[in-house]
Amino acid sequence: MKNLTLHIYVTDDCWSCRETGRIVADVAPYFPEAAIDLRPLDAAAPDDVFAVPTYVLNGRVIFLGNPTREELSQKLAEAGQTVCV
């Protein structure tokens, strides 16, 4: 099983980012070994993060905008997890 780190870049004034929190809350319990966090879009964000929400898995952008719960679960499963919702 690989180490998974998922950073999701959001802003406070993004209406879609509220759904991001709900998606993460629904999916994260199925991937307890994955480090998943919401991060503010600021000067410290990687250069390839230019919109919110942006999902970055192990340093690689996997979604611009919110995926479905199934899409996110599939990406995490493909990246090394064994459980998929």
N, C-alpha and C. Protein backbone atom coordinates (compact mmCIF):
# COMPACT_ATOMS: atom_id res chain seq x y z
N MET A 1 0.84 -1.17 0.00
CA MET A 1 0.00 0.00 0.00
C MET A 1 0.89 1.24 0.00
N LYS A 2 0.64 2.13 -0.90
CA LYS A 2 1.44 3.34 -1.03
C LYS A 2 0.95 4.42 -0.07
N ASN A 3 1.86 5.32 0.29
CA ASN A 3 1.45 6.49 1.06
C ASN A 3 0.70 7.43 0.13
N LEU A 4 -0.43 7.91 0.59
CA LEU A 4 -1.22 8.83 -0.21
C LEU A 4 -1.38 10.14 0.54
N THR A 5 -1.12 11.22 -0.18
CA THR A 5 -1.33 12.56 0.36
C THR A 5 -2.20 13.32 -0.63
N LEU A 6 -3.37 13.73 -0.15
CA LEU A 6 -4.29 14.47 -0.99
C LEU A 6 -4.48 15.85 -0.38
N HIS A 7 -4.00 16.87 -1.09
CA HIS A 7 -4.22 18.26 -0.70
C HIS A 7 -5.31 18.81 -1.61
N ILE A 8 -6.28 19.45 -1.00
CA ILE A 8 -7.38 20.03 -1.78
C ILE A 8 -7.37 21.53 -1.48
N TYR A 9 -7.13 22.31 -2.51
CA TYR A 9 -7.03 23.76 -2.36
C TYR A 9 -8.40 24.39 -2.53
N VAL A 10 -8.75 25.24 -1.55
CA VAL A 10 -10.06 25.89 -1.50
C VAL A 10 -9.89 27.35 -1.08
N THR A 11 -10.97 28.11 -1.20
CA THR A 11 -11.02 29.47 -0.66
C THR A 11 -12.32 29.62 0.12
N ASP A 12 -12.34 30.59 1.02
CA ASP A 12 -13.53 30.82 1.84
C ASP A 12 -14.72 31.32 1.04
N ASP A 13 -14.47 32.04 -0.04
CA ASP A 13 -15.57 32.63 -0.80
C ASP A 13 -16.01 31.77 -1.99
N CYS A 14 -15.58 30.55 -2.05
CA CYS A 14 -15.93 29.64 -3.14
C CYS A 14 -17.16 28.83 -2.76
N TRP A 15 -18.27 29.03 -3.48
CA TRP A 15 -19.51 28.29 -3.13
C TRP A 15 -19.34 26.80 -3.35
N SER A 16 -18.59 26.40 -4.33
CA SER A 16 -18.37 24.99 -4.63
C SER A 16 -17.49 24.31 -3.58
N CYS A 17 -16.67 25.10 -2.89
CA CYS A 17 -15.76 24.54 -1.88
C CYS A 17 -16.51 24.02 -0.66
N ARG A 18 -17.71 24.50 -0.44
CA ARG A 18 -18.52 23.95 0.67
C ARG A 18 -18.85 22.49 0.38
N GLU A 19 -19.14 22.19 -0.87
CA GLU A 19 -19.40 20.79 -1.26
C GLU A 19 -18.12 19.97 -1.14
N THR A 20 -16.98 20.57 -1.38
CA THR A 20 -15.70 19.87 -1.25
C THR A 20 -15.57 19.26 0.14
N GLY A 21 -15.89 20.03 1.15
CA GLY A 21 -15.82 19.53 2.53
C GLY A 21 -16.73 18.34 2.75
N ARG A 22 -17.93 18.37 2.16
CA ARG A 22 -18.86 17.24 2.30
C ARG A 22 -18.34 16.00 1.56
N ILE A 23 -17.76 16.20 0.39
CA ILE A 23 -17.20 15.07 -0.37
C ILE A 23 -16.09 14.42 0.44
N VAL A 24 -15.19 15.22 0.98
CA VAL A 24 -14.08 14.69 1.76
C VAL A 24 -14.60 13.95 2.99
N ALA A 25 -15.59 14.51 3.66
CA ALA A 25 -16.15 13.86 4.85
C ALA A 25 -16.76 12.50 4.51
N ASP A 26 -17.33 12.38 3.33
CA ASP A 26 -17.95 11.11 2.92
C ASP A 26 -16.92 10.08 2.48
N VAL A 27 -15.86 10.50 1.82
CA VAL A 27 -14.89 9.57 1.23
C VAL A 27 -13.76 9.20 2.19
N ALA A 28 -13.29 10.14 2.97
CA ALA A 28 -12.11 9.92 3.83
C ALA A 28 -12.21 8.70 4.74
N PRO A 29 -13.35 8.39 5.34
CA PRO A 29 -13.40 7.21 6.22
C PRO A 29 -13.04 5.89 5.51
N TYR A 30 -13.21 5.83 4.21
CA TYR A 30 -12.89 4.61 3.46
C TYR A 30 -11.39 4.50 3.16
N PHE A 31 -10.65 5.56 3.41
CA PHE A 31 -9.21 5.60 3.13
C PHE A 31 -8.47 6.14 4.34
N PRO A 32 -8.50 5.41 5.47
CA PRO A 32 -7.92 5.94 6.71
C PRO A 32 -6.41 6.15 6.65
N GLU A 33 -5.72 5.45 5.77
CA GLU A 33 -4.27 5.62 5.68
C GLU A 33 -3.87 6.83 4.84
N ALA A 34 -4.82 7.43 4.14
CA ALA A 34 -4.52 8.59 3.30
C ALA A 34 -4.55 9.86 4.14
N ALA A 35 -3.56 10.71 3.91
CA ALA A 35 -3.53 12.03 4.55
C ALA A 35 -4.28 12.98 3.62
N ILE A 36 -5.46 13.41 4.03
CA ILE A 36 -6.32 14.27 3.22
C ILE A 36 -6.54 15.57 3.97
N ASP A 37 -6.26 16.69 3.32
CA ASP A 37 -6.50 17.97 3.97
C ASP A 37 -6.97 19.03 2.99
N LEU A 38 -7.71 19.98 3.54
CA LEU A 38 -8.14 21.16 2.78
C LEU A 38 -7.13 22.26 3.07
N ARG A 39 -6.68 22.92 2.03
CA ARG A 39 -5.66 23.97 2.17
C ARG A 39 -6.16 25.25 1.50
N PRO A 40 -5.79 26.39 2.06
CA PRO A 40 -6.17 27.64 1.41
C PRO A 40 -5.34 27.87 0.15
N LEU A 41 -5.98 28.41 -0.85
CA LEU A 41 -5.25 28.81 -2.06
C LEU A 41 -4.55 30.12 -1.74
N ASP A 42 -3.23 30.06 -1.64
CA ASP A 42 -2.44 31.24 -1.31
C ASP A 42 -1.11 31.17 -2.05
N ALA A 43 -0.22 32.04 -1.68
CA ALA A 43 1.08 32.11 -2.37
C ALA A 43 1.89 30.83 -2.23
N ALA A 44 1.61 30.03 -1.20
CA ALA A 44 2.36 28.79 -0.98
C ALA A 44 1.85 27.62 -1.84
N ALA A 45 0.76 27.83 -2.55
CA ALA A 45 0.20 26.77 -3.39
C ALA A 45 1.13 26.49 -4.58
N PRO A 46 1.16 25.26 -5.05
CA PRO A 46 1.98 24.94 -6.22
C PRO A 46 1.56 25.77 -7.44
N ASP A 47 2.48 25.97 -8.35
CA ASP A 47 2.21 26.79 -9.54
C ASP A 47 1.07 26.25 -10.40
N ASP A 48 0.88 24.94 -10.41
CA ASP A 48 -0.17 24.37 -11.26
C ASP A 48 -1.55 24.39 -10.61
N VAL A 49 -1.66 25.00 -9.43
CA VAL A 49 -2.95 25.19 -8.77
C VAL A 49 -3.37 26.63 -9.00
N PHE A 50 -4.39 26.82 -9.84
CA PHE A 50 -4.80 28.18 -10.21
C PHE A 50 -6.29 28.40 -10.07
N ALA A 51 -7.02 27.38 -9.62
CA ALA A 51 -8.46 27.49 -9.46
C ALA A 51 -8.85 26.66 -8.23
N VAL A 52 -10.06 26.88 -7.76
CA VAL A 52 -10.54 26.10 -6.62
C VAL A 52 -11.91 25.50 -6.94
N PRO A 53 -12.19 24.36 -6.39
CA PRO A 53 -11.26 23.49 -5.69
C PRO A 53 -10.35 22.75 -6.67
N THR A 54 -9.13 22.50 -6.23
CA THR A 54 -8.17 21.70 -6.99
C THR A 54 -7.67 20.58 -6.09
N TYR A 55 -7.75 19.35 -6.60
CA TYR A 55 -7.34 18.16 -5.86
C TYR A 55 -5.96 17.74 -6.35
N VAL A 56 -4.99 17.65 -5.43
CA VAL A 56 -3.62 17.30 -5.77
C VAL A 56 -3.25 16.03 -4.99
N LEU A 57 -3.08 14.94 -5.70
CA LEU A 57 -2.76 13.65 -5.09
C LEU A 57 -1.28 13.34 -5.32
N ASN A 58 -0.55 13.22 -4.23
CA ASN A 58 0.89 12.94 -4.29
C ASN A 58 1.62 13.87 -5.27
N GLY A 59 1.27 15.16 -5.21
CA GLY A 59 1.94 16.17 -6.01
C GLY A 59 1.43 16.34 -7.42
N ARG A 60 0.38 15.61 -7.80
CA ARG A 60 -0.14 15.69 -9.17
C ARG A 60 -1.61 16.10 -9.15
N VAL A 61 -1.97 17.11 -9.93
CA VAL A 61 -3.37 17.54 -10.01
C VAL A 61 -4.20 16.41 -10.61
N ILE A 62 -5.25 16.02 -9.89
CA ILE A 62 -6.13 14.96 -10.40
C ILE A 62 -7.52 15.48 -10.75
N PHE A 63 -7.94 16.59 -10.14
CA PHE A 63 -9.24 17.18 -10.46
C PHE A 63 -9.18 18.68 -10.33
N LEU A 64 -9.74 19.38 -11.30
CA LEU A 64 -10.04 20.80 -11.21
C LEU A 64 -11.55 20.87 -11.05
N GLY A 65 -12.00 21.31 -9.91
CA GLY A 65 -13.43 21.24 -9.61
C GLY A 65 -13.71 19.95 -8.86
N ASN A 66 -14.92 19.87 -8.32
CA ASN A 66 -15.26 18.70 -7.52
C ASN A 66 -15.58 17.48 -8.37
N PRO A 67 -14.98 16.36 -8.01
CA PRO A 67 -15.36 15.10 -8.64
C PRO A 67 -16.57 14.53 -7.91
N THR A 68 -17.14 13.49 -8.45
CA THR A 68 -18.15 12.77 -7.69
C THR A 68 -17.42 11.98 -6.60
N ARG A 69 -18.16 11.51 -5.64
CA ARG A 69 -17.56 10.69 -4.60
C ARG A 69 -16.95 9.42 -5.20
N GLU A 70 -17.62 8.87 -6.18
CA GLU A 70 -17.13 7.66 -6.84
C GLU A 70 -15.83 7.93 -7.60
N GLU A 71 -15.76 9.05 -8.29
CA GLU A 71 -14.54 9.39 -9.03
C GLU A 71 -13.35 9.57 -8.09
N LEU A 72 -13.58 10.27 -6.97
CA LEU A 72 -12.50 10.48 -6.02
C LEU A 72 -12.07 9.15 -5.40
N SER A 73 -13.04 8.33 -5.04
CA SER A 73 -12.72 7.01 -4.46
C SER A 73 -11.91 6.17 -5.44
N GLN A 74 -12.28 6.22 -6.70
CA GLN A 74 -11.57 5.44 -7.72
C GLN A 74 -10.13 5.90 -7.85
N LYS A 75 -9.91 7.21 -7.87
CA LYS A 75 -8.54 7.73 -7.98
C LYS A 75 -7.70 7.31 -6.78
N LEU A 76 -8.28 7.38 -5.58
CA LEU A 76 -7.54 6.97 -4.39
C LEU A 76 -7.25 5.48 -4.43
N ALA A 77 -8.22 4.71 -4.88
CA ALA A 77 -8.02 3.25 -4.96
C ALA A 77 -6.92 2.92 -5.97
N GLU A 78 -6.95 3.57 -7.11
CA GLU A 78 -5.93 3.34 -8.14
C GLU A 78 -4.54 3.73 -7.65
N ALA A 79 -4.49 4.74 -6.79
CA ALA A 79 -3.20 5.22 -6.31
C ALA A 79 -2.60 4.37 -5.20
N GLY A 80 -3.33 3.35 -4.78
CA GLY A 80 -2.70 2.46 -3.80
C GLY A 80 -3.56 1.95 -2.69
N GLN A 81 -4.77 2.40 -2.61
CA GLN A 81 -5.66 1.91 -1.57
C GLN A 81 -6.42 0.70 -2.08
N THR A 82 -6.96 -0.08 -1.16
CA THR A 82 -7.67 -1.29 -1.54
C THR A 82 -9.17 -1.19 -1.37
N VAL A 83 -9.66 -0.17 -0.68
CA VAL A 83 -11.10 -0.01 -0.45
C VAL A 83 -11.64 1.03 -1.41
N CYS A 84 -12.78 0.75 -1.96
CA CYS A 84 -13.42 1.70 -2.89
C CYS A 84 -14.90 1.76 -2.56
N VAL A 85 -15.47 2.96 -2.53
CA VAL A 85 -16.91 3.10 -2.27
C VAL A 85 -17.67 3.14 -3.56
